[in-house]
Protein backbone atom coordinates (compact mmCIF):
# COMPACT_ATOMS: atom_id res chain seq x y z
CA UNK A 1 0.04 -0.13 -0.19
CA UNK A 2 1.47 3.32 -0.53
CA UNK A 3 0.88 5.43 2.48
CA UNK A 4 1.51 8.51 1.02
CA UNK A 5 -1.82 7.58 -1.26
CA UNK A 6 -3.34 5.09 -0.19
CA UNK A 7 -3.05 3.42 -3.54
CA UNK A 8 -2.08 -0.48 -3.44
CA UNK A 9 0.55 -1.61 -5.12
CA UNK A 10 0.94 -1.36 -8.65
CA UNK A 11 1.62 -5.07 -9.88
CA UNK A 12 4.81 -4.60 -11.69
CA UNK A 13 6.00 -3.10 -8.45
CA UNK A 14 4.94 -5.90 -6.75
CA UNK A 15 6.89 -8.42 -8.93
CA UNK A 16 10.18 -6.24 -8.56
CA UNK A 17 9.86 -6.60 -5.24
CA UNK A 18 9.07 -10.47 -5.42
CA UNK A 19 12.05 -11.00 -7.15
CA UNK A 20 14.10 -9.12 -5.05
CA UNK A 21 13.01 -10.93 -2.05
CA UNK A 22 13.43 -14.04 -4.03
CA UNK A 23 16.87 -12.75 -5.52
CA UNK A 24 18.21 -12.25 -1.81
CA UNK A 25 16.69 -15.58 -0.30
CA UNK A 26 18.90 -17.11 -2.63
CA UNK A 27 22.01 -16.01 -2.86
CA UNK A 28 24.77 -16.22 -0.26
CA UNK A 29 27.13 -14.16 -1.27
CA UNK A 30 24.58 -11.41 -1.78
CA UNK A 31 24.76 -9.42 -5.06
CA UNK A 32 22.01 -7.57 -6.23
CA UNK A 33 20.59 -7.98 -8.90
CA UNK A 34 21.26 -6.08 -12.44
CA UNK A 35 17.66 -3.89 -14.12
CA UNK A 36 17.84 -6.59 -16.38
CA UNK A 37 17.85 -9.09 -14.61
CA UNK A 38 14.71 -7.38 -12.46
CA UNK A 39 13.22 -7.08 -15.35
CA UNK A 40 14.05 -10.53 -16.28
CA UNK A 41 12.56 -12.19 -12.94
CA UNK A 42 9.96 -10.11 -12.64
CA UNK A 43 8.54 -10.26 -16.09
CA UNK A 44 8.56 -5.99 -16.86
CA UNK A 45 8.71 -5.37 -20.87
CA UNK A 46 10.95 -2.62 -20.28
CA UNK A 47 14.62 -1.29 -18.30
CA UNK A 48 12.59 1.82 -17.98
CA UNK A 49 9.58 0.48 -16.19
CA UNK A 50 12.18 -1.19 -14.49
CA UNK A 51 13.69 2.09 -13.49
CA UNK A 52 10.49 4.10 -13.10
CA UNK A 53 8.83 1.32 -10.34
CA UNK A 54 12.16 1.82 -8.73
CA UNK A 55 12.07 4.97 -7.73
CA UNK A 56 8.95 4.89 -6.89
CA UNK A 57 9.68 2.39 -4.58
CA UNK A 58 12.52 3.56 -3.32
CA UNK A 59 10.89 6.68 -2.47
CA UNK A 60 7.68 4.94 -0.21
CA UNK A 61 10.96 2.81 1.51
CA UNK A 62 10.63 -0.70 -0.31
CA UNK A 63 13.98 -0.38 -1.07
CA UNK A 64 17.10 1.11 -0.75
CA UNK A 65 18.73 2.32 -3.85
CA UNK A 66 21.50 4.58 -5.67
CA UNK A 67 20.37 5.61 -9.37
CA UNK A 68 23.50 5.76 -10.61
CA UNK A 69 25.42 3.26 -8.65
CA UNK A 70 25.24 -0.69 -10.95
CA UNK A 71 23.85 -2.84 -8.59
CA UNK A 72 22.84 -0.92 -5.06
CA UNK A 73 19.36 -1.80 -4.90
CA UNK A 74 18.59 -3.53 -1.42
CA UNK A 75 15.26 -4.02 -0.04
CA UNK A 76 13.74 -2.78 3.48
CA UNK A 77 11.93 -4.60 6.57
CA UNK A 78 9.12 -2.62 5.15
CA UNK A 79 9.86 -3.76 0.91
CA UNK A 80 10.12 -7.62 2.86
CA UNK A 81 6.70 -7.16 4.32
CA UNK A 82 4.73 -5.53 1.33
CA UNK A 83 4.81 -8.91 -0.75
């Protein structure tokens, strides 16, 4: 749920959170996925959609992410609980 608007997260946003959670759980030496891996794993149609949704998820506190740096996305506790 988007805390600011009360709107539910979109299907793409939920798919990205689910993918990140599965990625995190499946790695012993965690390194965050690339945009392309997120796009494929979450079945999102384009890198632009991944980027836009990650910006939104970051602004809402579901992920920590440095947009100009590679492999920096991390789920927050809120992101882990959202699924």
